[in-house]
Amino acid sequence: MTDTRSLDRSRWTTALDGHQYEAERLPFSYLGYDPKDDVVIVAVGGRSSRFPRSTAAQGAAPEAIDIATVDVPEAAVRVLDQEDPATLITFFPAAAAR
């Protein structure tokens, strides 16, 4: 990823909690880090009648988290763990209401 910064593990919880965007073209609900269970949690949906259910995915035992927000078309978070090459979460602007 271009112009990214790797986050120190002590900052994962603070950096991932919050923000309301769309993730993977579904309404974004939550992105966070649970230090107790050592997992990154990504939840989408559950915020409208079109997507009434929230779906969550967990990335266990992350080794690195990179955040790209400068000089990129869309902000992105990359999570690296021991088993998968990478999980990329891309944030797109919400579509205008019609």
PDB file of N, CA and C in Angstrom:
ATOM      1  N   MET A   1       0.841  -1.168   0.000  1.00  0.00           N
ATOM      2  CA  MET A   1       0.000   0.000   0.000  1.00  0.00           C
ATOM      3  C   MET A   1       0.893   1.241   0.000  1.00  0.00           C
ATOM      4  N   THR A   2       0.513   2.212  -0.783  1.00  0.00           N
ATOM      5  CA  THR A   2       1.295   3.432  -0.885  1.00  0.00           C
ATOM      6  C   THR A   2       1.015   4.352   0.291  1.00  0.00           C
ATOM      7  N   ASP A   3       2.055   5.001   0.782  1.00  0.00           N
ATOM      8  CA  ASP A   3       1.940   5.990   1.846  1.00  0.00           C
ATOM      9  C   ASP A   3       1.158   5.467   3.049  1.00  0.00           C
ATOM     10  N   THR A   4       1.608   4.360   3.587  1.00  0.00           N
ATOM     11  CA  THR A   4       0.976   3.775   4.757  1.00  0.00           C
ATOM     12  C   THR A   4       1.863   3.946   5.966  1.00  0.00           C
ATOM     13  N   ARG A   5       1.274   3.741   7.113  1.00  0.00           N
ATOM     14  CA  ARG A   5       2.069   3.718   8.325  1.00  0.00           C
ATOM     15  C   ARG A   5       1.669   2.505   9.134  1.00  0.00           C
ATOM     16  N   SER A   6       2.642   1.800   9.674  1.00  0.00           N
ATOM     17  CA  SER A   6       2.370   0.669  10.536  1.00  0.00           C
ATOM     18  C   SER A   6       2.117   1.191  11.936  1.00  0.00           C
ATOM     19  N   LEU A   7       1.127   0.631  12.572  1.00  0.00           N
ATOM     20  CA  LEU A   7       0.771   1.071  13.906  1.00  0.00           C
ATOM     21  C   LEU A   7       1.401   0.181  14.958  1.00  0.00           C
ATOM     22  N   ASP A   8       1.862   0.790  16.002  1.00  0.00           N
ATOM     23  CA  ASP A   8       2.339   0.051  17.149  1.00  0.00           C
ATOM     24  C   ASP A   8       1.137  -0.661  17.783  1.00  0.00           C
ATOM     25  N   ARG A   9       1.336  -1.882  18.256  1.00  0.00           N
ATOM     26  CA  ARG A   9       0.252  -2.687  18.824  1.00  0.00           C
ATOM     27  C   ARG A   9      -0.515  -1.918  19.909  1.00  0.00           C
ATOM     28  N   SER A  10       0.155  -1.105  20.677  1.00  0.00           N
ATOM     29  CA  SER A  10      -0.507  -0.364  21.754  1.00  0.00           C
ATOM     30  C   SER A  10      -1.543   0.627  21.227  1.00  0.00           C
ATOM     31  N   ARG A  11      -1.501   0.962  19.928  1.00  0.00           N
ATOM     32  CA  ARG A  11      -2.433   1.931  19.329  1.00  0.00           C
ATOM     33  C   ARG A  11      -3.563   1.272  18.539  1.00  0.00           C
ATOM     34  N   TRP A  12      -3.585  -0.053  18.404  1.00  0.00           N
ATOM     35  CA  TRP A  12      -4.588  -0.719  17.577  1.00  0.00           C
ATOM     36  C   TRP A  12      -6.008  -0.440  18.046  1.00  0.00           C
ATOM     37  N   THR A  13      -6.280  -0.538  19.337  1.00  0.00           N
ATOM     38  CA  THR A  13      -7.634  -0.329  19.840  1.00  0.00           C
ATOM     39  C   THR A  13      -8.111   1.077  19.520  1.00  0.00           C
ATOM     40  N   THR A  14      -7.313   2.079  19.815  1.00  0.00           N
ATOM     41  CA  THR A  14      -7.680   3.467  19.577  1.00  0.00           C
ATOM     42  C   THR A  14      -7.846   3.774  18.093  1.00  0.00           C
ATOM     43  N   ALA A  15      -6.951   3.268  17.266  1.00  0.00           N
ATOM     44  CA  ALA A  15      -6.968   3.580  15.837  1.00  0.00           C
ATOM     45  C   ALA A  15      -8.147   2.948  15.108  1.00  0.00           C
ATOM     46  N   LEU A  16      -8.610   1.776  15.548  1.00  0.00           N
ATOM     47  CA  LEU A  16      -9.647   1.070  14.799  1.00  0.00           C
ATOM     48  C   LEU A  16     -11.058   1.332  15.293  1.00  0.00           C
ATOM     49  N   ASP A  17     -11.233   1.763  16.512  1.00  0.00           N
ATOM     50  CA  ASP A  17     -12.578   2.008  17.036  1.00  0.00           C
ATOM     51  C   ASP A  17     -13.137   3.308  16.469  1.00  0.00           C
ATOM     52  N   GLY A  18     -14.425   3.263  16.061  1.00  0.00           N
ATOM     53  CA  GLY A  18     -15.103   4.479  15.634  1.00  0.00           C
ATOM     54  C   GLY A  18     -15.237   4.617  14.148  1.00  0.00           C
ATOM     55  N   HIS A  19     -15.547   5.828  13.667  1.00  0.00           N
ATOM     56  CA  HIS A  19     -15.700   6.234  12.275  1.00  0.00           C
ATOM     57  C   HIS A  19     -16.878   5.544  11.595  1.00  0.00           C
ATOM     58  N   GLN A  20     -17.606   6.294  10.808  1.00  0.00           N
ATOM     59  CA  GLN A  20     -18.778   5.786  10.107  1.00  0.00           C
ATOM     60  C   GLN A  20     -18.608   5.992   8.612  1.00  0.00           C
ATOM     61  N   TYR A  21     -18.193   4.975   7.908  1.00  0.00           N
ATOM     62  CA  TYR A  21     -18.048   4.994   6.454  1.00  0.00           C
ATOM     63  C   TYR A  21     -18.677   3.733   5.891  1.00  0.00           C
ATOM     64  N   GLU A  22     -18.509   3.512   4.617  1.00  0.00           N
ATOM     65  CA  GLU A  22     -18.905   2.243   4.017  1.00  0.00           C
ATOM     66  C   GLU A  22     -17.672   1.377   3.886  1.00  0.00           C
ATOM     67  N   ALA A  23     -17.829   0.099   4.117  1.00  0.00           N
ATOM     68  CA  ALA A  23     -16.734  -0.847   3.964  1.00  0.00           C
ATOM     69  C   ALA A  23     -17.175  -1.898   2.959  1.00  0.00           C
ATOM     70  N   GLU A  24     -16.326  -2.172   1.973  1.00  0.00           N
ATOM     71  CA  GLU A  24     -16.626  -3.187   0.959  1.00  0.00           C
ATOM     72  C   GLU A  24     -17.993  -2.962   0.306  1.00  0.00           C
ATOM     73  N   ARG A  25     -18.358  -1.720   0.132  1.00  0.00           N
ATOM     74  CA  ARG A  25     -19.598  -1.302  -0.521  1.00  0.00           C
ATOM     75  C   ARG A  25     -20.848  -1.709   0.258  1.00  0.00           C
ATOM     76  N   LEU A  26     -20.695  -2.135   1.500  1.00  0.00           N
ATOM     77  CA  LEU A  26     -21.816  -2.347   2.406  1.00  0.00           C
ATOM     78  C   LEU A  26     -21.727  -1.271   3.483  1.00  0.00           C
ATOM     79  N   PRO A  27     -22.848  -0.914   4.091  1.00  0.00           N
ATOM     80  CA  PRO A  27     -22.769   0.108   5.133  1.00  0.00           C
ATOM     81  C   PRO A  27     -21.834  -0.342   6.259  1.00  0.00           C
ATOM     82  N   PHE A  28     -20.899   0.504   6.590  1.00  0.00           N
ATOM     83  CA  PHE A  28     -19.916   0.198   7.621  1.00  0.00           C
ATOM     84  C   PHE A  28     -20.550   0.343   8.995  1.00  0.00           C
ATOM     85  N   SER A  29     -20.283  -0.607   9.872  1.00  0.00           N
ATOM     86  CA  SER A  29     -20.835  -0.558  11.207  1.00  0.00           C
ATOM     87  C   SER A  29     -19.758  -0.383  12.268  1.00  0.00           C
ATOM     88  N   TYR A  30     -18.697  -1.169  12.200  1.00  0.00           N
ATOM     89  CA  TYR A  30     -17.719  -1.140  13.288  1.00  0.00           C
ATOM     90  C   TYR A  30     -16.401  -1.749  12.837  1.00  0.00           C
ATOM     91  N   LEU A  31     -15.311  -1.171  13.308  1.00  0.00           N
ATOM     92  CA  LEU A  31     -13.977  -1.732  13.129  1.00  0.00           C
ATOM     93  C   LEU A  31     -13.254  -1.524  14.447  1.00  0.00           C
ATOM     94  N   GLY A  32     -12.763  -2.600  15.024  1.00  0.00           N
ATOM     95  CA  GLY A  32     -12.111  -2.463  16.317  1.00  0.00           C
ATOM     96  C   GLY A  32     -11.110  -3.571  16.573  1.00  0.00           C
ATOM     97  N   TYR A  33     -10.349  -3.383  17.621  1.00  0.00           N
ATOM     98  CA  TYR A  33      -9.379  -4.387  18.055  1.00  0.00           C
ATOM     99  C   TYR A  33      -9.699  -4.768  19.494  1.00  0.00           C
ATOM    100  N   ASP A  34      -9.812  -6.056  19.756  1.00  0.00           N
ATOM    101  CA  ASP A  34     -10.059  -6.583  21.098  1.00  0.00           C
ATOM    102  C   ASP A  34      -8.746  -7.149  21.627  1.00  0.00           C
ATOM    103  N   PRO A  35      -8.062  -6.407  22.500  1.00  0.00           N
ATOM    104  CA  PRO A  35      -6.760  -6.878  22.979  1.00  0.00           C
ATOM    105  C   PRO A  35      -6.855  -8.129  23.855  1.00  0.00           C
ATOM    106  N   LYS A  36      -8.000  -8.334  24.513  1.00  0.00           N
ATOM    107  CA  LYS A  36      -8.158  -9.517  25.365  1.00  0.00           C
ATOM    108  C   LYS A  36      -8.092 -10.800  24.540  1.00  0.00           C
ATOM    109  N   ASP A  37      -8.837 -10.822  23.425  1.00  0.00           N
ATOM    110  CA  ASP A  37      -8.860 -12.005  22.560  1.00  0.00           C
ATOM    111  C   ASP A  37      -7.893 -11.896  21.394  1.00  0.00           C
ATOM    112  N   ASP A  38      -7.214 -10.753  21.258  1.00  0.00           N
ATOM    113  CA  ASP A  38      -6.250 -10.507  20.189  1.00  0.00           C
ATOM    114  C   ASP A  38      -6.869 -10.734  18.810  1.00  0.00           C
ATOM    115  N   VAL A  39      -7.989 -10.026  18.554  1.00  0.00           N
ATOM    116  CA  VAL A  39      -8.673 -10.122  17.261  1.00  0.00           C
ATOM    117  C   VAL A  39      -9.060  -8.746  16.755  1.00  0.00           C
ATOM    118  N   VAL A  40      -9.053  -8.593  15.440  1.00  0.00           N
ATOM    119  CA  VAL A  40      -9.605  -7.411  14.779  1.00  0.00           C
ATOM    120  C   VAL A  40     -11.024  -7.789  14.365  1.00  0.00           C
ATOM    121  N   ILE A  41     -11.977  -6.911  14.665  1.00  0.00           N
ATOM    122  CA  ILE A  41     -13.379  -7.180  14.364  1.00  0.00           C
ATOM    123  C   ILE A  41     -13.866  -6.157  13.351  1.00  0.00           C
ATOM    124  N   VAL A  42     -14.463  -6.641  12.256  1.00  0.00           N
ATOM    125  CA  VAL A  42     -15.036  -5.784  11.222  1.00  0.00           C
ATOM    126  C   VAL A  42     -16.513  -6.154  11.107  1.00  0.00           C
ATOM    127  N   ALA A  43     -17.386  -5.164  11.250  1.00  0.00           N
ATOM    128  CA  ALA A  43     -18.819  -5.413  11.123  1.00  0.00           C
ATOM    129  C   ALA A  43     -19.401  -4.476  10.073  1.00  0.00           C
ATOM    130  N   VAL A  44     -20.288  -5.014   9.233  1.00  0.00           N
ATOM    131  CA  VAL A  44     -20.980  -4.227   8.215  1.00  0.00           C
ATOM    132  C   VAL A  44     -22.469  -4.519   8.301  1.00  0.00           C
ATOM    133  N   GLY A  45     -23.277  -3.597   7.784  1.00  0.00           N
ATOM    134  CA  GLY A  45     -24.721  -3.772   7.792  1.00  0.00           C
ATOM    135  C   GLY A  45     -25.327  -3.419   9.133  1.00  0.00           C
ATOM    136  N   GLY A  46     -26.629  -3.715   9.271  1.00  0.00           N
ATOM    137  CA  GLY A  46     -27.324  -3.490  10.515  1.00  0.00           C
ATOM    138  C   GLY A  46     -27.713  -2.050  10.777  1.00  0.00           C
ATOM    139  N   ARG A  47     -27.610  -1.187   9.774  1.00  0.00           N
ATOM    140  CA  ARG A  47     -27.907   0.233   9.992  1.00  0.00           C
ATOM    141  C   ARG A  47     -29.069   0.743   9.132  1.00  0.00           C
ATOM    142  N   SER A  48     -29.693  -0.129   8.353  1.00  0.00           N
ATOM    143  CA  SER A  48     -30.788   0.339   7.500  1.00  0.00           C
ATOM    144  C   SER A  48     -31.708  -0.823   7.182  1.00  0.00           C
ATOM    145  N   SER A  49     -32.875  -0.523   6.618  1.00  0.00           N
ATOM    146  CA  SER A  49     -33.798  -1.594   6.228  1.00  0.00           C
ATOM    147  C   SER A  49     -33.248  -2.382   5.042  1.00  0.00           C
ATOM    148  N   ARG A  50     -32.398  -1.768   4.239  1.00  0.00           N
ATOM    149  CA  ARG A  50     -31.793  -2.474   3.110  1.00  0.00           C
ATOM    150  C   ARG A  50     -30.786  -3.521   3.576  1.00  0.00           C
ATOM    151  N   PHE A  51     -30.039  -3.206   4.638  1.00  0.00           N
ATOM    152  CA  PHE A  51     -29.073  -4.133   5.235  1.00  0.00           C
ATOM    153  C   PHE A  51     -29.387  -4.249   6.723  1.00  0.00           C
ATOM    154  N   PRO A  52     -30.486  -4.964   7.075  1.00  0.00           N
ATOM    155  CA  PRO A  52     -30.946  -4.966   8.461  1.00  0.00           C
ATOM    156  C   PRO A  52     -30.074  -5.768   9.428  1.00  0.00           C
ATOM    157  N   ARG A  53     -29.305  -6.686   8.924  1.00  0.00           N
ATOM    158  CA  ARG A  53     -28.485  -7.521   9.797  1.00  0.00           C
ATOM    159  C   ARG A  53     -27.034  -7.101   9.749  1.00  0.00           C
ATOM    160  N   SER A  54     -26.409  -7.136  10.897  1.00  0.00           N
ATOM    161  CA  SER A  54     -24.985  -6.834  10.974  1.00  0.00           C
ATOM    162  C   SER A  54     -24.198  -8.128  10.802  1.00  0.00           C
ATOM    163  N   THR A  55     -23.163  -8.084   9.987  1.00  0.00           N
ATOM    164  CA  THR A  55     -22.287  -9.226   9.769  1.00  0.00           C
ATOM    165  C   THR A  55     -20.900  -8.842  10.243  1.00  0.00           C
ATOM    166  N   ALA A  56     -20.301  -9.728  11.029  1.00  0.00           N
ATOM    167  CA  ALA A  56     -18.975  -9.430  11.571  1.00  0.00           C
ATOM    168  C   ALA A  56     -17.981 -10.495  11.141  1.00  0.00           C
ATOM    169  N   ALA A  57     -16.765 -10.066  10.938  1.00  0.00           N
ATOM    170  CA  ALA A  57     -15.657 -10.986  10.641  1.00  0.00           C
ATOM    171  C   ALA A  57     -14.548 -10.684  11.631  1.00  0.00           C
ATOM    172  N   GLN A  58     -13.811 -11.719  11.983  1.00  0.00           N
ATOM    173  CA  GLN A  58     -12.725 -11.533  12.934  1.00  0.00           C
ATOM    174  C   GLN A  58     -11.420 -12.008  12.331  1.00  0.00           C
ATOM    175  N   GLY A  59     -10.386 -11.231  12.522  1.00  0.00           N
ATOM    176  CA  GLY A  59      -9.037 -11.615  12.119  1.00  0.00           C
ATOM    177  C   GLY A  59      -8.249 -11.915  13.385  1.00  0.00           C
ATOM    178  N   ALA A  60      -7.918 -13.192  13.590  1.00  0.00           N
ATOM    179  CA  ALA A  60      -7.267 -13.607  14.828  1.00  0.00           C
ATOM    180  C   ALA A  60      -5.759 -13.369  14.781  1.00  0.00           C
ATOM    181  N   ALA A  61      -5.214 -13.022  15.914  1.00  0.00           N
ATOM    182  CA  ALA A  61      -3.773 -12.864  16.128  1.00  0.00           C
ATOM    183  C   ALA A  61      -3.103 -12.002  15.062  1.00  0.00           C
ATOM    184  N   PRO A  62      -3.558 -10.750  14.885  1.00  0.00           N
ATOM    185  CA  PRO A  62      -2.908  -9.898  13.888  1.00  0.00           C
ATOM    186  C   PRO A  62      -1.461  -9.607  14.270  1.00  0.00           C
ATOM    187  N   GLU A  63      -0.619  -9.584  13.249  1.00  0.00           N
ATOM    188  CA  GLU A  63       0.795  -9.274  13.471  1.00  0.00           C
ATOM    189  C   GLU A  63       1.112  -7.821  13.159  1.00  0.00           C
ATOM    190  N   ALA A  64       0.339  -7.215  12.252  1.00  0.00           N
ATOM    191  CA  ALA A  64       0.560  -5.824  11.870  1.00  0.00           C
ATOM    192  C   ALA A  64      -0.738  -5.241  11.342  1.00  0.00           C
ATOM    193  N   ILE A  65      -0.908  -3.934  11.561  1.00  0.00           N
ATOM    194  CA  ILE A  65      -2.043  -3.198  11.022  1.00  0.00           C
ATOM    195  C   ILE A  65      -1.483  -1.935  10.382  1.00  0.00           C
ATOM    196  N   ASP A  66      -1.805  -1.732   9.099  1.00  0.00           N
ATOM    197  CA  ASP A  66      -1.378  -0.549   8.361  1.00  0.00           C
ATOM    198  C   ASP A  66      -2.616   0.257   7.986  1.00  0.00           C
ATOM    199  N   ILE A  67      -2.514   1.571   8.075  1.00  0.00           N
ATOM    200  CA  ILE A  67      -3.617   2.448   7.703  1.00  0.00           C
ATOM    201  C   ILE A  67      -3.131   3.419   6.641  1.00  0.00           C
ATOM    202  N   ALA A  68      -3.854   3.483   5.509  1.00  0.00           N
ATOM    203  CA  ALA A  68      -3.520   4.413   4.424  1.00  0.00           C
ATOM    204  C   ALA A  68      -4.641   5.436   4.318  1.00  0.00           C
ATOM    205  N   THR A  69      -4.312   6.711   4.525  1.00  0.00           N
ATOM    206  CA  THR A  69      -5.322   7.768   4.436  1.00  0.00           C
ATOM    207  C   THR A  69      -4.876   8.958   3.605  1.00  0.00           C
ATOM    208  N   VAL A  70      -3.592   9.031   3.279  1.00  0.00           N
ATOM    209  CA  VAL A  70      -3.049  10.182   2.561  1.00  0.00           C
ATOM    210  C   VAL A  70      -2.656   9.769   1.147  1.00  0.00           C
ATOM    211  N   ASP A  71      -3.024  10.577   0.166  1.00  0.00           N
ATOM    212  CA  ASP A  71      -2.671  10.349  -1.242  1.00  0.00           C
ATOM    213  C   ASP A  71      -3.168   9.007  -1.775  1.00  0.00           C
ATOM    214  N   VAL A  72      -4.359   8.589  -1.337  1.00  0.00           N
ATOM    215  CA  VAL A  72      -4.993   7.372  -1.856  1.00  0.00           C
ATOM    216  C   VAL A  72      -6.432   7.729  -2.229  1.00  0.00           C
ATOM    217  N   PRO A  73      -7.006   7.061  -3.234  1.00  0.00           N
ATOM    218  CA  PRO A  73      -8.382   7.386  -3.625  1.00  0.00           C
ATOM    219  C   PRO A  73      -9.384   7.103  -2.507  1.00  0.00           C
ATOM    220  N   GLU A  74      -9.204   6.010  -1.785  1.00  0.00           N
ATOM    221  CA  GLU A  74     -10.060   5.654  -0.659  1.00  0.00           C
ATOM    222  C   GLU A  74      -9.175   5.225   0.505  1.00  0.00           C
ATOM    223  N   ALA A  75      -9.568   5.590   1.708  1.00  0.00           N
ATOM    224  CA  ALA A  75      -8.827   5.157   2.891  1.00  0.00           C
ATOM    225  C   ALA A  75      -8.908   3.635   3.000  1.00  0.00           C
ATOM    226  N   ALA A  76      -7.862   3.030   3.558  1.00  0.00           N
ATOM    227  CA  ALA A  76      -7.832   1.574   3.673  1.00  0.00           C
ATOM    228  C   ALA A  76      -7.071   1.154   4.920  1.00  0.00           C
ATOM    229  N   VAL A  77      -7.448  -0.018   5.424  1.00  0.00           N
ATOM    230  CA  VAL A  77      -6.761  -0.650   6.547  1.00  0.00           C
ATOM    231  C   VAL A  77      -6.345  -2.035   6.082  1.00  0.00           C
ATOM    232  N   ARG A  78      -5.099  -2.381   6.326  1.00  0.00           N
ATOM    233  CA  ARG A  78      -4.601  -3.717   5.980  1.00  0.00           C
ATOM    234  C   ARG A  78      -4.205  -4.408   7.280  1.00  0.00           C
ATOM    235  N   VAL A  79      -4.734  -5.623   7.475  1.00  0.00           N
ATOM    236  CA  VAL A  79      -4.424  -6.411   8.660  1.00  0.00           C
ATOM    237  C   VAL A  79      -3.649  -7.647   8.216  1.00  0.00           C
ATOM    238  N   LEU A  80      -2.484  -7.816   8.785  1.00  0.00           N
ATOM    239  CA  LEU A  80      -1.653  -8.981   8.486  1.00  0.00           C
ATOM    240  C   LEU A  80      -1.682  -9.920   9.686  1.00  0.00           C
ATOM    241  N   ASP A  81      -1.901 -11.215   9.421  1.00  0.00           N
ATOM    242  CA  ASP A  81      -1.847 -12.192  10.498  1.00  0.00           C
ATOM    243  C   ASP A  81      -1.027 -13.396  10.070  1.00  0.00           C
ATOM    244  N   GLN A  82      -0.934 -14.378  10.914  1.00  0.00           N
ATOM    245  CA  GLN A  82      -0.073 -15.531  10.659  1.00  0.00           C
ATOM    246  C   GLN A  82      -0.598 -16.444   9.565  1.00  0.00           C
ATOM    247  N   GLU A  83      -1.920 -16.517   9.394  1.00  0.00           N
ATOM    248  CA  GLU A  83      -2.492 -17.512   8.487  1.00  0.00           C
ATOM    249  C   GLU A  83      -2.848 -16.987   7.108  1.00  0.00           C
ATOM    250  N   ASP A  84      -3.316 -15.749   7.012  1.00  0.00           N
ATOM    251  CA  ASP A  84      -3.717 -15.183   5.732  1.00  0.00           C
ATOM    252  C   ASP A  84      -2.672 -14.181   5.268  1.00  0.00           C
ATOM    253  N   PRO A  85      -2.505 -14.021   3.945  1.00  0.00           N
ATOM    254  CA  PRO A  85      -1.533 -13.045   3.467  1.00  0.00           C
ATOM    255  C   PRO A  85      -1.870 -11.633   3.928  1.00  0.00           C
ATOM    256  N   ALA A  86      -3.152 -11.246   3.846  1.00  0.00           N
ATOM    257  CA  ALA A  86      -3.572  -9.909   4.292  1.00  0.00           C
ATOM    258  C   ALA A  86      -5.090  -9.802   4.187  1.00  0.00           C
ATOM    259  N   THR A  87      -5.658  -8.992   5.049  1.00  0.00           N
ATOM    260  CA  THR A  87      -7.058  -8.603   4.938  1.00  0.00           C
ATOM    261  C   THR A  87      -7.065  -7.116   4.656  1.00  0.00           C
ATOM    262  N   LEU A  88      -7.702  -6.712   3.567  1.00  0.00           N
ATOM    263  CA  LEU A  88      -7.747  -5.309   3.179  1.00  0.00           C
ATOM    264  C   LEU A  88      -9.174  -4.806   3.332  1.00  0.00           C
ATOM    265  N   ILE A  89      -9.336  -3.756   4.092  1.00  0.00           N
ATOM    266  CA  ILE A  89     -10.627  -3.129   4.310  1.00  0.00           C
ATOM    267  C   ILE A  89     -10.556  -1.754   3.663  1.00  0.00           C
ATOM    268  N   THR A  90     -11.375  -1.539   2.640  1.00  0.00           N
ATOM    269  CA  THR A  90     -11.350  -0.283   1.893  1.00  0.00           C
ATOM    270  C   THR A  90     -12.605   0.517   2.229  1.00  0.00           C
ATOM    271  N   PHE A  91     -12.430   1.798   2.483  1.00  0.00           N
ATOM    272  CA  PHE A  91     -13.538   2.673   2.843  1.00  0.00           C
ATOM    273  C   PHE A  91     -13.867   3.591   1.678  1.00  0.00           C
ATOM    274  N   PHE A  92     -15.135   3.546   1.241  1.00  0.00           N
ATOM    275  CA  PHE A  92     -15.608   4.382   0.165  1.00  0.00           C
ATOM    276  C   PHE A  92     -16.573   5.414   0.733  1.00  0.00           C
ATOM    277  N   PRO A  93     -16.672   6.609   0.126  1.00  0.00           N
ATOM    278  CA  PRO A  93     -17.652   7.588   0.591  1.00  0.00           C
ATOM    279  C   PRO A  93     -19.061   7.016   0.450  1.00  0.00           C
ATOM    280  N   ALA A  94     -19.927   7.375   1.374  1.00  0.00           N
ATOM    281  CA  ALA A  94     -21.306   6.920   1.297  1.00  0.00           C
ATOM    282  C   ALA A  94     -21.953   7.501   0.046  1.00  0.00           C
ATOM    283  N   ALA A  95     -22.782   6.696  -0.602  1.00  0.00           N
ATOM    284  CA  ALA A  95     -23.501   7.160  -1.793  1.00  0.00           C
ATOM    285  C   ALA A  95     -24.522   8.214  -1.371  1.00  0.00           C
ATOM    286  N   ALA A  96     -24.718   9.205  -2.190  1.00  0.00           N
ATOM    287  CA  ALA A  96     -25.694  10.257  -1.903  1.00  0.00           C
ATOM    288  C   ALA A  96     -27.092   9.681  -1.908  1.00  0.00           C
ATOM    289  N   ALA A  97     -27.925  10.104  -0.989  1.00  0.00           N
ATOM    290  CA  ALA A  97     -29.312   9.651  -0.937  1.00  0.00           C
ATOM    291  C   ALA A  97     -30.062  10.186  -2.159  1.00  0.00           C
ATOM    292  N   ARG A  98     -30.929   9.337  -2.687  1.00  0.00           N
ATOM    293  CA  ARG A  98     -31.681   9.740  -3.881  1.00  0.00           C
ATOM    294  C   ARG A  98     -33.140   9.814  -3.595  1.00  0.00           C
TER     295      ARG A  98
END
